[in-house]
């Protein structure tokens, strides 16, 4: 399962290139569900960096600036996730807990491909650092 890396063509950028703090959830926690670094690299993750669509940079910079005025920082742990990453995580969950239990916990309709552009999706992953 190799990533076709279409995100490279669709104006995705790395958060750290814009001074936004964050770390990639799957790179940090993947081994807890049996994901190796090699498997993650095959589906397009290139380390602990987070990608988002370039349209999200300015709103996130604005939010971080406002938080900094109060002594806080924005910290993001999620961004764009490829279809291949979803498929890999789904496969690992089935191996660990079985398909029936996986479907009970993670309804199939929730396994959608995030475009990296929707602020309401990203909001659930914002953290504020003091």
Protein backbone atom coordinates (compact mmCIF):
# COMPACT_ATOMS: atom_id res chain seq x y z
CA UNK A 1 0.00 0.00 0.00
CA UNK A 2 2.04 2.94 -1.30
CA UNK A 3 0.73 6.49 -1.02
CA UNK A 4 0.19 8.24 -4.33
CA UNK A 5 1.02 11.49 -2.51
CA UNK A 6 -1.57 13.56 -4.36
CA UNK A 7 -1.36 16.02 -1.49
CA UNK A 8 1.91 17.31 -2.99
CA UNK A 9 -0.09 18.57 -5.97
CA UNK A 10 -2.82 20.19 -3.90
CA UNK A 11 -0.96 22.98 -2.11
CA UNK A 12 -0.34 21.27 1.20
CA UNK A 13 2.30 22.78 3.46
CA UNK A 14 4.05 21.80 6.67
CA UNK A 15 3.01 23.66 9.83
CA UNK A 16 6.58 24.06 11.08
CA UNK A 17 7.51 25.98 7.92
CA UNK A 18 5.17 28.71 9.16
CA UNK A 19 6.21 28.73 12.81
CA UNK A 20 3.15 26.83 14.02
CA UNK A 21 3.83 24.30 16.77
CA UNK A 22 2.71 20.70 16.56
CA UNK A 23 3.55 17.03 16.31
CA UNK A 24 2.02 14.24 14.25
CA UNK A 25 -0.25 11.99 16.31
CA UNK A 26 0.35 8.87 14.21
CA UNK A 27 4.13 9.37 14.17
CA UNK A 28 4.11 9.71 17.96
CA UNK A 29 1.51 7.08 18.90
CA UNK A 30 1.43 4.71 15.91
CA UNK A 31 3.53 2.05 17.59
CA UNK A 32 0.78 1.68 20.24
CA UNK A 33 -1.49 0.17 17.59
CA UNK A 34 1.25 -1.70 15.76
CA UNK A 35 2.21 0.87 13.12
CA UNK A 36 5.90 0.89 12.32
CA UNK A 37 7.73 3.99 11.08
CA UNK A 38 8.34 2.14 7.80
CA UNK A 39 4.60 1.52 7.30
CA UNK A 40 3.84 5.15 8.07
CA UNK A 41 6.44 6.32 5.57
CA UNK A 42 4.87 4.11 2.89
CA UNK A 43 1.54 5.91 3.33
CA UNK A 44 3.12 9.34 3.04
CA UNK A 45 4.13 10.40 6.54
CA UNK A 46 7.64 11.83 6.55
CA UNK A 47 8.27 12.07 10.24
CA UNK A 48 6.75 14.09 13.02
CA UNK A 49 5.59 16.92 10.72
CA UNK A 50 1.99 17.93 10.08
CA UNK A 51 0.58 18.92 6.72
CA UNK A 52 -2.42 21.19 6.16
CA UNK A 53 -3.85 22.91 3.12
CA UNK A 54 -2.23 26.29 2.58
CA UNK A 55 -5.63 28.00 3.05
CA UNK A 56 -5.46 27.09 6.76
CA UNK A 57 -2.10 28.78 7.44
CA UNK A 58 -3.38 32.34 7.94
CA UNK A 59 -6.27 31.41 10.27
CA UNK A 60 -3.94 29.28 12.38
CA UNK A 61 -1.29 32.03 12.51
CA UNK A 62 -3.99 34.49 13.56
CA UNK A 63 -5.21 32.16 16.32
CA UNK A 64 -1.64 31.57 17.53
CA UNK A 65 -0.96 35.31 17.60
CA UNK A 66 -4.10 35.96 19.65
CA UNK A 67 -3.17 33.21 22.09
CA UNK A 68 0.38 34.56 22.40
CA UNK A 69 -1.06 37.91 23.48
CA UNK A 70 -2.30 36.04 26.57
CA UNK A 71 0.85 33.96 27.14
CA UNK A 72 -0.31 30.83 25.32
CA UNK A 73 0.61 29.02 22.07
CA UNK A 74 -1.39 26.97 19.64
CA UNK A 75 -0.22 23.33 19.38
CA UNK A 76 -1.67 21.06 16.71
CA UNK A 77 -1.53 17.26 16.64
CA UNK A 78 -3.53 16.57 13.47
CA UNK A 79 -3.75 17.74 9.92
CA UNK A 80 -4.07 16.11 6.53
CA UNK A 81 -4.43 12.33 6.61
CA UNK A 82 -4.19 10.41 3.36
CA UNK A 83 -6.68 7.77 2.28
CA UNK A 84 -3.78 5.30 2.51
CA UNK A 85 -3.19 6.22 6.16
CA UNK A 86 -6.87 5.61 6.96
CA UNK A 87 -6.68 2.24 5.23
CA UNK A 88 -3.54 1.26 7.16
CA UNK A 89 -5.04 2.26 10.52
CA UNK A 90 -8.26 0.44 9.66
CA UNK A 91 -6.28 -2.71 8.76
CA UNK A 92 -4.30 -2.58 12.03
CA UNK A 93 -7.43 -2.10 14.12
CA UNK A 94 -9.05 -5.13 12.48
CA UNK A 95 -5.91 -7.19 13.23
CA UNK A 96 -5.94 -6.10 16.88
CA UNK A 97 -9.63 -6.14 17.84
CA UNK A 98 -11.43 -7.71 14.87
CA UNK A 99 -13.69 -6.14 12.29
CA UNK A 100 -16.93 -6.42 14.25
CA UNK A 101 -15.52 -4.63 17.29
CA UNK A 102 -13.71 -2.06 15.14
CA UNK A 103 -16.97 -1.26 13.34
CA UNK A 104 -18.80 -0.95 16.64
CA UNK A 105 -16.24 1.54 17.94
CA UNK A 106 -15.44 3.39 14.73
CA UNK A 107 -18.52 3.51 12.55
CA UNK A 108 -17.43 3.16 8.94
CA UNK A 109 -19.00 6.47 7.97
CA UNK A 110 -16.54 8.23 10.29
CA UNK A 111 -13.57 6.88 8.32
CA UNK A 112 -13.52 9.67 5.76
CA UNK A 113 -10.51 11.28 4.17
CA UNK A 114 -9.82 14.64 5.75
CA UNK A 115 -8.98 17.34 3.24
CA UNK A 116 -6.87 19.28 5.74
CA UNK A 117 -8.93 22.41 4.94
CA UNK A 118 -11.84 22.24 7.35
CA UNK A 119 -11.26 24.33 10.48
CA UNK A 120 -14.00 22.56 12.44
CA UNK A 121 -12.16 19.27 11.99
CA UNK A 122 -8.88 20.78 13.13
CA UNK A 123 -10.46 22.45 16.16
CA UNK A 124 -10.77 19.16 18.01
CA UNK A 125 -6.99 18.85 17.91
CA UNK A 126 -5.91 22.31 19.07
CA UNK A 127 -3.95 22.54 22.26
CA UNK A 128 -2.86 25.62 24.10
CA UNK A 129 0.59 25.72 25.64
CA UNK A 130 1.41 27.98 28.57
